[in-house]
Amino acid sequence: MFQKRNGSTRTEVVHDAIQVANIADLYFRTLNTRVSVVYIETWQGQNQAQIDSGKDISKAISNFNDYTSRNLYKIDKDTTQLLTGETFAGGEVGMSVPETVCTPKAVGISVDMNPYEPHLLAGTMAHMIGHNIGMGHDDNRDECICRDWHGCIMSQSIVGLENVQPYKFSECSRLDYIDALRIGHGLCLLNKPNEVELRKNCGNGIVEDDEECDCGSALDCDKTDPCCDGITCKLKKESQCATGPCCDKCILKPPGVICRDAHNECDLPEYCNGESGQCPPDVHKKNGNPCGMNSTGFST
């Protein structure tokens, strides 16, 4: 969930969240582990859990845990991370429940301090996931070996020396991870995750089931798709179509208008049919028919 994202659309927010996860994935690869997004949920209008700006972050994470337990229990996941623009009373940039990975209590909160620097949020989220797995802080541990002068991901201060963002795990983080796996705390990490799932509903930017269009939130539609009713995900009364090469300002192009040129001698052009804004499927000359210069080639 992102709040106060400088007017970002839901599509942009989802893109940013995946970018953050991809950066965190790069960090975890050094531990022979991948971060894979299996589900994304965005909150529009208001927080779905009681996450209050200026309040205690420990209360926020408790409320978020309650929310995930009640609403996301059907989602097959190893940990659930909340990305938020809220700021908390103690100035924390994040918090997570330690040694809980593979359980319903495996949650974390990461505060987006700078929306223009996704690697900062990725480092915070990686730190929170590390705690979920069972990694402790690097500070004041003799066995810790951090190969970067500015610090490693599990340093107590997530922002490294001279404000250089850590991007590696220390040796003691690696050992903490191994210990967690040995005692069975991370068995769910050994399976192959499902593909990303976006909850089906009007307003998620994806045309699904009986929807005629889906341009995101009602506010987004005014900017991105004037043909679509953002509340019902149906075409507006005066609209015949929403998108596609056969749709021009919400009106269907007449039949016979070329919407896809032939790419070569064996290809055929496609024409609008007057019934859909989308171009018909790409077709070619029948297999075995001569095509090309002087009919020396054949469609296959």
C-alpha atoms as a PDB file:
ATOM      1  CA  MET A   1       0.000   0.000   0.000  1.00  0.00           C
ATOM      2  CA  PHE A   2       1.292   3.414  -0.930  1.00  0.00           C
ATOM      3  CA  GLN A   3      -0.109   6.634   0.489  1.00  0.00           C
ATOM      4  CA  LYS A   4       0.651  10.134  -0.794  1.00  0.00           C
ATOM      5  CA  ARG A   5       2.330   8.799  -3.910  1.00  0.00           C
ATOM      6  CA  ASN A   6       2.351  12.116  -5.777  1.00  0.00           C
ATOM      7  CA  GLY A   7      -0.814  11.313  -7.702  1.00  0.00           C
ATOM      8  CA  SER A   8       0.382   7.923  -8.949  1.00  0.00           C
ATOM      9  CA  THR A   9      -2.186   5.654 -10.576  1.00  0.00           C
ATOM     10  CA  ARG A  10      -2.761   2.143  -9.287  1.00  0.00           C
ATOM     11  CA  THR A  11      -0.872   0.738 -12.271  1.00  0.00           C
ATOM     12  CA  GLU A  12       2.138   2.897 -11.418  1.00  0.00           C
ATOM     13  CA  VAL A  13       1.948   1.864  -7.763  1.00  0.00           C
ATOM     14  CA  VAL A  14       1.908  -1.830  -8.688  1.00  0.00           C
ATOM     15  CA  HIS A  15       4.857  -1.235 -11.016  1.00  0.00           C
ATOM     16  CA  ASP A  16       6.793   0.486  -8.219  1.00  0.00           C
ATOM     17  CA  ALA A  17       6.034  -2.332  -5.767  1.00  0.00           C
ATOM     18  CA  ILE A  18       7.275  -4.956  -8.219  1.00  0.00           C
ATOM     19  CA  GLN A  19      10.396  -2.884  -8.862  1.00  0.00           C
ATOM     20  CA  VAL A  20      11.103  -2.779  -5.119  1.00  0.00           C
ATOM     21  CA  ALA A  21      10.607  -6.545  -4.885  1.00  0.00           C
ATOM     22  CA  ASN A  22      12.931  -7.113  -7.847  1.00  0.00           C
ATOM     23  CA  ILE A  23      15.683  -5.085  -6.185  1.00  0.00           C
ATOM     24  CA  ALA A  24      15.210  -7.013  -2.925  1.00  0.00           C
ATOM     25  CA  ASP A  25      15.425 -10.184  -5.000  1.00  0.00           C
ATOM     26  CA  LEU A  26      18.878  -9.130  -6.197  1.00  0.00           C
ATOM     27  CA  TYR A  27      19.984  -8.728  -2.578  1.00  0.00           C
ATOM     28  CA  PHE A  28      18.707 -12.169  -1.558  1.00  0.00           C
ATOM     29  CA  ARG A  29      20.333 -13.910  -4.509  1.00  0.00           C
ATOM     30  CA  THR A  30      23.619 -13.686  -2.616  1.00  0.00           C
ATOM     31  CA  LEU A  31      22.015 -16.147  -0.164  1.00  0.00           C
ATOM     32  CA  ASN A  32      20.857 -18.429  -2.989  1.00  0.00           C
ATOM     33  CA  THR A  33      17.303 -17.255  -2.316  1.00  0.00           C
ATOM     34  CA  ARG A  34      14.785 -15.508  -4.532  1.00  0.00           C
ATOM     35  CA  VAL A  35      12.104 -12.973  -3.662  1.00  0.00           C
ATOM     36  CA  SER A  36       9.006 -13.695  -5.730  1.00  0.00           C
ATOM     37  CA  VAL A  37       5.782 -11.669  -5.669  1.00  0.00           C
ATOM     38  CA  VAL A  38       2.733 -13.942  -5.504  1.00  0.00           C
ATOM     39  CA  TYR A  39       0.061 -11.379  -4.594  1.00  0.00           C
ATOM     40  CA  ILE A  40      -0.317  -7.606  -4.652  1.00  0.00           C
ATOM     41  CA  GLU A  41      -3.041  -5.575  -2.997  1.00  0.00           C
ATOM     42  CA  THR A  42      -3.334  -1.799  -3.125  1.00  0.00           C
ATOM     43  CA  TRP A  43      -5.438   0.293  -0.770  1.00  0.00           C
ATOM     44  CA  GLN A  44      -7.304   3.207  -2.300  1.00  0.00           C
ATOM     45  CA  GLY A  45      -9.141   5.889  -0.385  1.00  0.00           C
ATOM     46  CA  GLN A  46      -8.217   4.669   3.075  1.00  0.00           C
ATOM     47  CA  ASN A  47      -6.122   2.079   4.886  1.00  0.00           C
ATOM     48  CA  GLN A  48      -7.828  -1.295   5.114  1.00  0.00           C
ATOM     49  CA  ALA A  49      -6.004  -1.934   8.395  1.00  0.00           C
ATOM     50  CA  GLN A  50      -5.652   0.626  11.168  1.00  0.00           C
ATOM     51  CA  ILE A  51      -2.280   2.082  10.232  1.00  0.00           C
ATOM     52  CA  ASP A  52      -2.256   5.520  11.826  1.00  0.00           C
ATOM     53  CA  SER A  53       0.323   8.144  10.927  1.00  0.00           C
ATOM     54  CA  GLY A  54       2.107   9.565  13.953  1.00  0.00           C
ATOM     55  CA  LYS A  55       1.192   6.603  16.169  1.00  0.00           C
ATOM     56  CA  ASP A  56       3.201   3.659  17.543  1.00  0.00           C
ATOM     57  CA  ILE A  57       4.520   1.388  14.770  1.00  0.00           C
ATOM     58  CA  SER A  58       4.220  -1.693  16.999  1.00  0.00           C
ATOM     59  CA  LYS A  59       0.460  -1.109  17.144  1.00  0.00           C
ATOM     60  CA  ALA A  60       0.406  -0.690  13.383  1.00  0.00           C
ATOM     61  CA  ILE A  61       2.146  -4.000  12.771  1.00  0.00           C
ATOM     62  CA  SER A  62      -0.219  -5.750  15.182  1.00  0.00           C
ATOM     63  CA  ASN A  63      -3.202  -4.324  13.302  1.00  0.00           C
ATOM     64  CA  PHE A  64      -1.667  -5.273   9.956  1.00  0.00           C
ATOM     65  CA  ASN A  65      -1.115  -8.814  11.207  1.00  0.00           C
ATOM     66  CA  ASP A  66      -4.778  -8.984  12.225  1.00  0.00           C
ATOM     67  CA  TYR A  67      -5.784  -7.790   8.759  1.00  0.00           C
ATOM     68  CA  THR A  68      -3.680 -10.367   6.920  1.00  0.00           C
ATOM     69  CA  SER A  69      -4.926 -13.161   9.178  1.00  0.00           C
ATOM     70  CA  ARG A  70      -8.560 -12.258   8.476  1.00  0.00           C
ATOM     71  CA  ASN A  71      -8.376 -11.334   4.804  1.00  0.00           C
ATOM     72  CA  LEU A  72      -5.348 -12.952   3.182  1.00  0.00           C
ATOM     73  CA  TYR A  73      -5.372 -16.405   4.766  1.00  0.00           C
ATOM     74  CA  LYS A  74      -6.237 -18.059   1.437  1.00  0.00           C
ATOM     75  CA  ILE A  75      -3.139 -16.624  -0.254  1.00  0.00           C
ATOM     76  CA  ASP A  76      -0.226 -19.070  -0.303  1.00  0.00           C
ATOM     77  CA  LYS A  77       2.634 -16.853   0.887  1.00  0.00           C
ATOM     78  CA  ASP A  78       5.771 -17.038   3.031  1.00  0.00           C
ATOM     79  CA  THR A  79       5.685 -13.467   4.353  1.00  0.00           C
ATOM     80  CA  THR A  80       3.525 -10.374   3.834  1.00  0.00           C
ATOM     81  CA  GLN A  81       5.142  -6.961   3.546  1.00  0.00           C
ATOM     82  CA  LEU A  82       3.338  -3.618   3.769  1.00  0.00           C
ATOM     83  CA  LEU A  83       4.917  -0.733   1.856  1.00  0.00           C
ATOM     84  CA  THR A  84       3.548   2.531   3.191  1.00  0.00           C
ATOM     85  CA  GLY A  85       4.007   6.262   3.119  1.00  0.00           C
ATOM     86  CA  GLU A  86       2.840   6.628   6.710  1.00  0.00           C
ATOM     87  CA  THR A  87       5.318   7.960   9.267  1.00  0.00           C
ATOM     88  CA  PHE A  88       5.312   6.784  12.862  1.00  0.00           C
ATOM     89  CA  ALA A  89       5.816   8.388  16.251  1.00  0.00           C
ATOM     90  CA  GLY A  90       9.286   6.965  16.830  1.00  0.00           C
ATOM     91  CA  GLY A  91      10.561   7.793  13.356  1.00  0.00           C
ATOM     92  CA  GLU A  92      11.047   4.107  12.509  1.00  0.00           C
ATOM     93  CA  VAL A  93      11.531   3.163   8.874  1.00  0.00           C
ATOM     94  CA  GLY A  94      10.174  -0.319   9.434  1.00  0.00           C
ATOM     95  CA  MET A  95       9.354  -3.194  11.747  1.00  0.00           C
ATOM     96  CA  SER A  96       8.706  -6.907  11.362  1.00  0.00           C
ATOM     97  CA  VAL A  97       7.904  -9.929  13.503  1.00  0.00           C
ATOM     98  CA  PRO A  98      11.102 -12.000  13.967  1.00  0.00           C
ATOM     99  CA  GLU A  99      11.391 -15.750  13.350  1.00  0.00           C
ATOM    100  CA  THR A 100       7.911 -16.093  11.881  1.00  0.00           C
ATOM    101  CA  VAL A 101       8.523 -16.947   8.211  1.00  0.00           C
ATOM    102  CA  CYS A 102       6.120 -19.597   6.880  1.00  0.00           C
ATOM    103  CA  THR A 103       3.553 -18.703   9.547  1.00  0.00           C
ATOM    104  CA  PRO A 104       0.552 -16.320   9.469  1.00  0.00           C
ATOM    105  CA  LYS A 105       2.482 -13.961  11.771  1.00  0.00           C
ATOM    106  CA  ALA A 106       5.223 -13.334   9.192  1.00  0.00           C
ATOM    107  CA  VAL A 107       4.545  -9.681   8.436  1.00  0.00           C
ATOM    108  CA  GLY A 108       6.591  -6.528   8.077  1.00  0.00           C
ATOM    109  CA  ILE A 109       6.134  -2.815   7.488  1.00  0.00           C
ATOM    110  CA  SER A 110       8.539  -0.714   5.420  1.00  0.00           C
ATOM    111  CA  VAL A 111       8.207   3.059   5.195  1.00  0.00           C
ATOM    112  CA  ASP A 112       8.770   4.659   1.801  1.00  0.00           C
ATOM    113  CA  MET A 113      10.983   7.589   2.759  1.00  0.00           C
ATOM    114  CA  ASN A 114      11.836   8.648  -0.797  1.00  0.00           C
ATOM    115  CA  PRO A 115       9.583   7.533  -3.681  1.00  0.00           C
ATOM    116  CA  TYR A 116      12.307   8.443  -6.169  1.00  0.00           C
ATOM    117  CA  GLU A 117      14.824   5.985  -4.679  1.00  0.00           C
ATOM    118  CA  PRO A 118      13.265   2.488  -4.831  1.00  0.00           C
ATOM    119  CA  HIS A 119      16.493   0.817  -3.695  1.00  0.00           C
ATOM    120  CA  LEU A 120      16.102   2.476  -0.286  1.00  0.00           C
ATOM    121  CA  LEU A 121      12.692   0.886   0.208  1.00  0.00           C
ATOM    122  CA  ALA A 122      14.016  -2.406  -1.178  1.00  0.00           C
ATOM    123  CA  GLY A 123      16.806  -2.408   1.409  1.00  0.00           C
ATOM    124  CA  THR A 124      14.311  -1.754   4.185  1.00  0.00           C
ATOM    125  CA  MET A 125      12.013  -4.534   2.992  1.00  0.00           C
ATOM    126  CA  ALA A 126      14.940  -6.956   2.687  1.00  0.00           C
ATOM    127  CA  HIS A 127      15.870  -6.084   6.291  1.00  0.00           C
ATOM    128  CA  MET A 128      12.302  -6.828   7.445  1.00  0.00           C
ATOM    129  CA  ILE A 129      12.177 -10.128   5.573  1.00  0.00           C
ATOM    130  CA  GLY A 130      15.532 -10.982   7.140  1.00  0.00           C
ATOM    131  CA  HIS A 131      14.017 -10.578  10.603  1.00  0.00           C
ATOM    132  CA  ASN A 132      11.041 -12.733   9.558  1.00  0.00           C
ATOM    133  CA  ILE A 133      13.487 -15.460   8.581  1.00  0.00           C
ATOM    134  CA  GLY A 134      15.368 -15.197  11.862  1.00  0.00           C
ATOM    135  CA  MET A 135      18.298 -12.913  11.113  1.00  0.00           C
ATOM    136  CA  GLY A 136      19.465 -10.655  13.919  1.00  0.00           C
ATOM    137  CA  HIS A 137      21.201  -7.305  13.695  1.00  0.00           C
ATOM    138  CA  ASP A 138      24.872  -7.253  12.753  1.00  0.00           C
ATOM    139  CA  ASP A 139      25.831  -4.759  15.451  1.00  0.00           C
ATOM    140  CA  ASN A 140      27.953  -5.875  18.435  1.00  0.00           C
ATOM    141  CA  ARG A 141      28.444  -9.423  17.127  1.00  0.00           C
ATOM    142  CA  ASP A 142      32.054 -10.531  16.946  1.00  0.00           C
ATOM    143  CA  GLU A 143      31.440 -13.148  14.273  1.00  0.00           C
ATOM    144  CA  CYS A 144      29.939 -10.673  11.828  1.00  0.00           C
ATOM    145  CA  ILE A 145      31.914 -10.065   8.670  1.00  0.00           C
ATOM    146  CA  CYS A 146      30.491  -7.366   6.431  1.00  0.00           C
ATOM    147  CA  ARG A 147      32.379  -7.005   3.189  1.00  0.00           C
ATOM    148  CA  ASP A 148      31.174  -3.471   2.537  1.00  0.00           C
ATOM    149  CA  TRP A 149      32.633  -0.472   4.363  1.00  0.00           C
ATOM    150  CA  HIS A 150      29.229   1.229   4.582  1.00  0.00           C
ATOM    151  CA  GLY A 151      27.542  -1.691   6.320  1.00  0.00           C
ATOM    152  CA  CYS A 152      25.305  -4.624   5.443  1.00  0.00           C
ATOM    153  CA  ILE A 153      21.555  -5.072   5.142  1.00  0.00           C
ATOM    154  CA  MET A 154      20.980  -6.318   8.690  1.00  0.00           C
ATOM    155  CA  SER A 155      22.807  -3.432  10.358  1.00  0.00           C
ATOM    156  CA  GLN A 156      20.627  -1.861  13.028  1.00  0.00           C
ATOM    157  CA  SER A 157      20.753   1.412  11.118  1.00  0.00           C
ATOM    158  CA  ILE A 158      19.287   0.496   7.755  1.00  0.00           C
ATOM    159  CA  VAL A 159      20.857   3.557   6.132  1.00  0.00           C
ATOM    160  CA  GLY A 160      24.578   2.838   5.817  1.00  0.00           C
ATOM    161  CA  LEU A 161      27.583   5.000   6.559  1.00  0.00           C
ATOM    162  CA  GLU A 162      27.627   8.309   4.692  1.00  0.00           C
ATOM    163  CA  ASN A 163      24.051   7.500   3.582  1.00  0.00           C
ATOM    164  CA  VAL A 164      25.228   4.737   1.237  1.00  0.00           C
ATOM    165  CA  GLN A 165      22.488   2.089   1.105  1.00  0.00           C
ATOM    166  CA  PRO A 166      23.674  -1.431   2.077  1.00  0.00           C
ATOM    167  CA  TYR A 167      22.979  -4.089  -0.517  1.00  0.00           C
ATOM    168  CA  LYS A 168      24.731  -7.193   0.854  1.00  0.00           C
ATOM    169  CA  PHE A 169      24.132  -9.574   3.740  1.00  0.00           C
ATOM    170  CA  SER A 170      26.883 -10.132   6.293  1.00  0.00           C
ATOM    171  CA  GLU A 171      28.412 -13.486   7.162  1.00  0.00           C
ATOM    172  CA  CYS A 172      26.427 -13.664  10.402  1.00  0.00           C
ATOM    173  CA  SER A 173      23.193 -13.064   8.468  1.00  0.00           C
ATOM    174  CA  ARG A 174      24.101 -16.016   6.278  1.00  0.00           C
ATOM    175  CA  LEU A 175      24.757 -18.169   9.363  1.00  0.00           C
ATOM    176  CA  ASP A 176      21.485 -17.035  10.969  1.00  0.00           C
ATOM    177  CA  TYR A 177      19.696 -18.084   7.800  1.00  0.00           C
ATOM    178  CA  ILE A 178      21.353 -21.502   7.791  1.00  0.00           C
ATOM    179  CA  ASP A 179      20.430 -22.021  11.448  1.00  0.00           C
ATOM    180  CA  ALA A 180      16.793 -21.137  10.711  1.00  0.00           C
ATOM    181  CA  LEU A 181      16.656 -23.680   7.898  1.00  0.00           C
ATOM    182  CA  ARG A 182      18.304 -26.366  10.037  1.00  0.00           C
ATOM    183  CA  ILE A 183      15.645 -26.134  12.728  1.00  0.00           C
ATOM    184  CA  GLY A 184      12.841 -26.142  10.176  1.00  0.00           C
ATOM    185  CA  HIS A 185      11.721 -22.517  10.368  1.00  0.00           C
ATOM    186  CA  GLY A 186      11.992 -21.954   6.628  1.00  0.00           C
ATOM    187  CA  LEU A 187      10.583 -25.074   4.997  1.00  0.00           C
ATOM    188  CA  CYS A 188       8.141 -23.043   2.897  1.00  0.00           C
ATOM    189  CA  LEU A 189      11.107 -21.292   1.272  1.00  0.00           C
ATOM    190  CA  LEU A 190      12.076 -24.518  -0.462  1.00  0.00           C
ATOM    191  CA  ASN A 191       8.986 -24.735  -2.682  1.00  0.00           C
ATOM    192  CA  LYS A 192       8.299 -23.005  -5.980  1.00  0.00           C
ATOM    193  CA  PRO A 193       5.979 -20.009  -5.488  1.00  0.00           C
ATOM    194  CA  ASN A 194       2.826 -19.418  -7.482  1.00  0.00           C
ATOM    195  CA  GLU A 195       2.588 -16.681 -10.072  1.00  0.00           C
ATOM    196  CA  VAL A 196       1.592 -13.191  -9.006  1.00  0.00           C
ATOM    197  CA  GLU A 197      -2.114 -12.847  -8.337  1.00  0.00           C
ATOM    198  CA  LEU A 198      -4.015  -9.600  -8.520  1.00  0.00           C
ATOM    199  CA  ARG A 199      -7.377  -9.753  -6.794  1.00  0.00           C
ATOM    200  CA  LYS A 200     -10.137  -9.630  -9.400  1.00  0.00           C
ATOM    201  CA  ASN A 201     -12.221  -6.515  -9.036  1.00  0.00           C
ATOM    202  CA  CYS A 202     -13.327  -3.467 -10.956  1.00  0.00           C
ATOM    203  CA  GLY A 203     -10.624  -0.852 -10.643  1.00  0.00           C
ATOM    204  CA  ASN A 204      -7.502  -3.028 -10.755  1.00  0.00           C
ATOM    205  CA  GLY A 205      -6.593  -1.948 -14.288  1.00  0.00           C
ATOM    206  CA  ILE A 206      -7.121  -5.420 -15.812  1.00  0.00           C
ATOM    207  CA  VAL A 207     -10.153  -6.337 -17.940  1.00  0.00           C
ATOM    208  CA  GLU A 208     -11.599  -9.471 -16.329  1.00  0.00           C
ATOM    209  CA  ASP A 209     -14.677 -11.693 -16.600  1.00  0.00           C
ATOM    210  CA  ASP A 210     -17.702  -9.604 -17.661  1.00  0.00           C
ATOM    211  CA  GLU A 211     -15.914  -6.227 -17.630  1.00  0.00           C
ATOM    212  CA  GLU A 212     -15.922  -4.218 -20.861  1.00  0.00           C
ATOM    213  CA  CYS A 213     -13.035  -2.034 -19.731  1.00  0.00           C
ATOM    214  CA  ASP A 214     -10.965  -1.329 -16.616  1.00  0.00           C
ATOM    215  CA  CYS A 215      -8.966   1.868 -16.381  1.00  0.00           C
ATOM    216  CA  GLY A 216      -8.128   1.727 -12.667  1.00  0.00           C
ATOM    217  CA  SER A 217      -9.818   3.979 -10.157  1.00  0.00           C
ATOM    218  CA  ALA A 218     -12.567   6.407 -11.159  1.00  0.00           C
ATOM    219  CA  LEU A 219     -10.065   9.257 -10.821  1.00  0.00           C
ATOM    220  CA  ASP A 220      -7.581   7.468 -13.085  1.00  0.00           C
ATOM    221  CA  CYS A 221     -10.220   6.941 -15.786  1.00  0.00           C
ATOM    222  CA  ASP A 222     -10.742  10.648 -16.352  1.00  0.00           C
ATOM    223  CA  LYS A 223      -7.075  10.895 -17.322  1.00  0.00           C
ATOM    224  CA  THR A 224      -6.410   7.581 -19.053  1.00  0.00           C
ATOM    225  CA  ASP A 225      -9.668   6.311 -20.580  1.00  0.00           C
ATOM    226  CA  PRO A 226     -12.583   8.712 -21.141  1.00  0.00           C
ATOM    227  CA  CYS A 227     -14.572   5.883 -22.756  1.00  0.00           C
ATOM    228  CA  CYS A 228     -14.792   3.768 -19.590  1.00  0.00           C
ATOM    229  CA  ASP A 229     -16.966   4.159 -16.502  1.00  0.00           C
ATOM    230  CA  GLY A 230     -14.480   3.596 -13.686  1.00  0.00           C
ATOM    231  CA  ILE A 231     -17.197   2.645 -11.197  1.00  0.00           C
ATOM    232  CA  THR A 232     -18.923  -0.103 -13.224  1.00  0.00           C
ATOM    233  CA  CYS A 233     -16.073  -1.069 -15.599  1.00  0.00           C
ATOM    234  CA  LYS A 234     -18.582  -0.792 -18.441  1.00  0.00           C
ATOM    235  CA  LEU A 235     -18.413   1.459 -21.475  1.00  0.00           C
ATOM    236  CA  LYS A 236     -20.013   4.843 -21.027  1.00  0.00           C
ATOM    237  CA  LYS A 237     -23.412   5.237 -22.677  1.00  0.00           C
ATOM    238  CA  GLU A 238     -22.050   7.185 -25.631  1.00  0.00           C
ATOM    239  CA  SER A 239     -18.999   4.907 -26.064  1.00  0.00           C
ATOM    240  CA  GLN A 240     -18.767   2.012 -28.505  1.00  0.00           C
ATOM    241  CA  CYS A 241     -15.278   0.908 -27.469  1.00  0.00           C
ATOM    242  CA  ALA A 242     -12.459   1.818 -25.121  1.00  0.00           C
ATOM    243  CA  THR A 243      -9.121   0.745 -26.570  1.00  0.00           C
ATOM    244  CA  GLY A 244      -7.527  -0.887 -29.583  1.00  0.00           C
ATOM    245  CA  PRO A 245      -6.429   0.042 -33.109  1.00  0.00           C
ATOM    246  CA  CYS A 246     -10.058  -0.130 -34.307  1.00  0.00           C
ATOM    247  CA  CYS A 247     -11.248   2.350 -31.685  1.00  0.00           C
ATOM    248  CA  ASP A 248     -11.024   6.088 -32.322  1.00  0.00           C
ATOM    249  CA  LYS A 249     -12.096   8.401 -29.506  1.00  0.00           C
ATOM    250  CA  CYS A 250     -14.560   5.846 -28.118  1.00  0.00           C
ATOM    251  CA  ILE A 251     -16.121   5.187 -31.564  1.00  0.00           C
ATOM    252  CA  LEU A 252     -15.594   2.020 -33.625  1.00  0.00           C
ATOM    253  CA  LYS A 253     -13.812   2.475 -36.919  1.00  0.00           C
ATOM    254  CA  PRO A 254     -15.892   1.318 -39.907  1.00  0.00           C
ATOM    255  CA  PRO A 255     -15.401  -2.182 -41.346  1.00  0.00           C
ATOM    256  CA  GLY A 256     -12.646  -2.451 -43.912  1.00  0.00           C
ATOM    257  CA  VAL A 257     -10.158  -0.087 -42.275  1.00  0.00           C
ATOM    258  CA  ILE A 258      -6.706  -1.693 -42.145  1.00  0.00           C
ATOM    259  CA  CYS A 259      -5.580  -2.197 -38.543  1.00  0.00           C
ATOM    260  CA  ARG A 260      -2.513  -4.374 -39.196  1.00  0.00           C
ATOM    261  CA  ASP A 261      -0.404  -4.248 -42.356  1.00  0.00           C
ATOM    262  CA  ALA A 262       1.046  -7.336 -43.967  1.00  0.00           C
ATOM    263  CA  HIS A 263       4.603  -7.831 -42.702  1.00  0.00           C
ATOM    264  CA  ASN A 264       5.850  -9.916 -45.641  1.00  0.00           C
ATOM    265  CA  GLU A 265       4.693 -11.639 -48.836  1.00  0.00           C
ATOM    266  CA  CYS A 266       3.222 -14.569 -46.914  1.00  0.00           C
ATOM    267  CA  ASP A 267       1.337 -12.370 -44.458  1.00  0.00           C
ATOM    268  CA  LEU A 268      -2.106 -10.870 -44.991  1.00  0.00           C
ATOM    269  CA  PRO A 269      -3.386  -7.515 -43.767  1.00  0.00           C
ATOM    270  CA  GLU A 270      -6.111  -7.422 -41.113  1.00  0.00           C
ATOM    271  CA  TYR A 271      -9.148  -5.145 -41.198  1.00  0.00           C
ATOM    272  CA  CYS A 272     -11.459  -3.722 -38.560  1.00  0.00           C
ATOM    273  CA  ASN A 273     -14.792  -5.540 -38.470  1.00  0.00           C
ATOM    274  CA  GLY A 274     -16.876  -2.715 -37.029  1.00  0.00           C
ATOM    275  CA  GLU A 275     -17.774  -4.790 -33.974  1.00  0.00           C
ATOM    276  CA  SER A 276     -14.673  -4.571 -31.763  1.00  0.00           C
ATOM    277  CA  GLY A 277     -11.991  -2.047 -30.974  1.00  0.00           C
ATOM    278  CA  GLN A 278      -9.378  -4.786 -31.234  1.00  0.00           C
ATOM    279  CA  CYS A 279      -7.776  -5.891 -34.476  1.00  0.00           C
ATOM    280  CA  PRO A 280      -8.682  -9.458 -35.550  1.00  0.00           C
ATOM    281  CA  PRO A 281      -6.041 -12.187 -35.028  1.00  0.00           C
ATOM    282  CA  ASP A 282      -3.049 -12.148 -37.347  1.00  0.00           C
ATOM    283  CA  VAL A 283      -3.515 -14.481 -40.338  1.00  0.00           C
ATOM    284  CA  HIS A 284      -1.251 -15.641 -43.164  1.00  0.00           C
ATOM    285  CA  LYS A 285      -1.696 -17.179 -46.577  1.00  0.00           C
ATOM    286  CA  LYS A 286      -2.737 -20.801 -46.486  1.00  0.00           C
ATOM    287  CA  ASN A 287       0.170 -23.192 -45.957  1.00  0.00           C
ATOM    288  CA  GLY A 288       1.649 -24.357 -49.257  1.00  0.00           C
ATOM    289  CA  ASN A 289       0.485 -21.336 -51.255  1.00  0.00           C
ATOM    290  CA  PRO A 290       3.177 -19.592 -53.299  1.00  0.00           C
ATOM    291  CA  CYS A 291       4.337 -16.223 -51.998  1.00  0.00           C
ATOM    292  CA  GLY A 292       7.334 -13.962 -52.275  1.00  0.00           C
ATOM    293  CA  MET A 293       9.295 -12.706 -55.265  1.00  0.00           C
ATOM    294  CA  ASN A 294       8.124 -14.476 -58.466  1.00  0.00           C
ATOM    295  CA  SER A 295       6.214 -16.894 -56.200  1.00  0.00           C
ATOM    296  CA  THR A 296       9.407 -18.760 -55.313  1.00  0.00           C
ATOM    297  CA  GLY A 297       8.571 -18.993 -51.617  1.00  0.00           C
ATOM    298  CA  PHE A 298       5.821 -20.893 -49.853  1.00  0.00           C
ATOM    299  CA  SER A 299       3.762 -20.175 -46.763  1.00  0.00           C
ATOM    300  CA  THR A 300       4.514 -22.698 -44.004  1.00  0.00           C
END
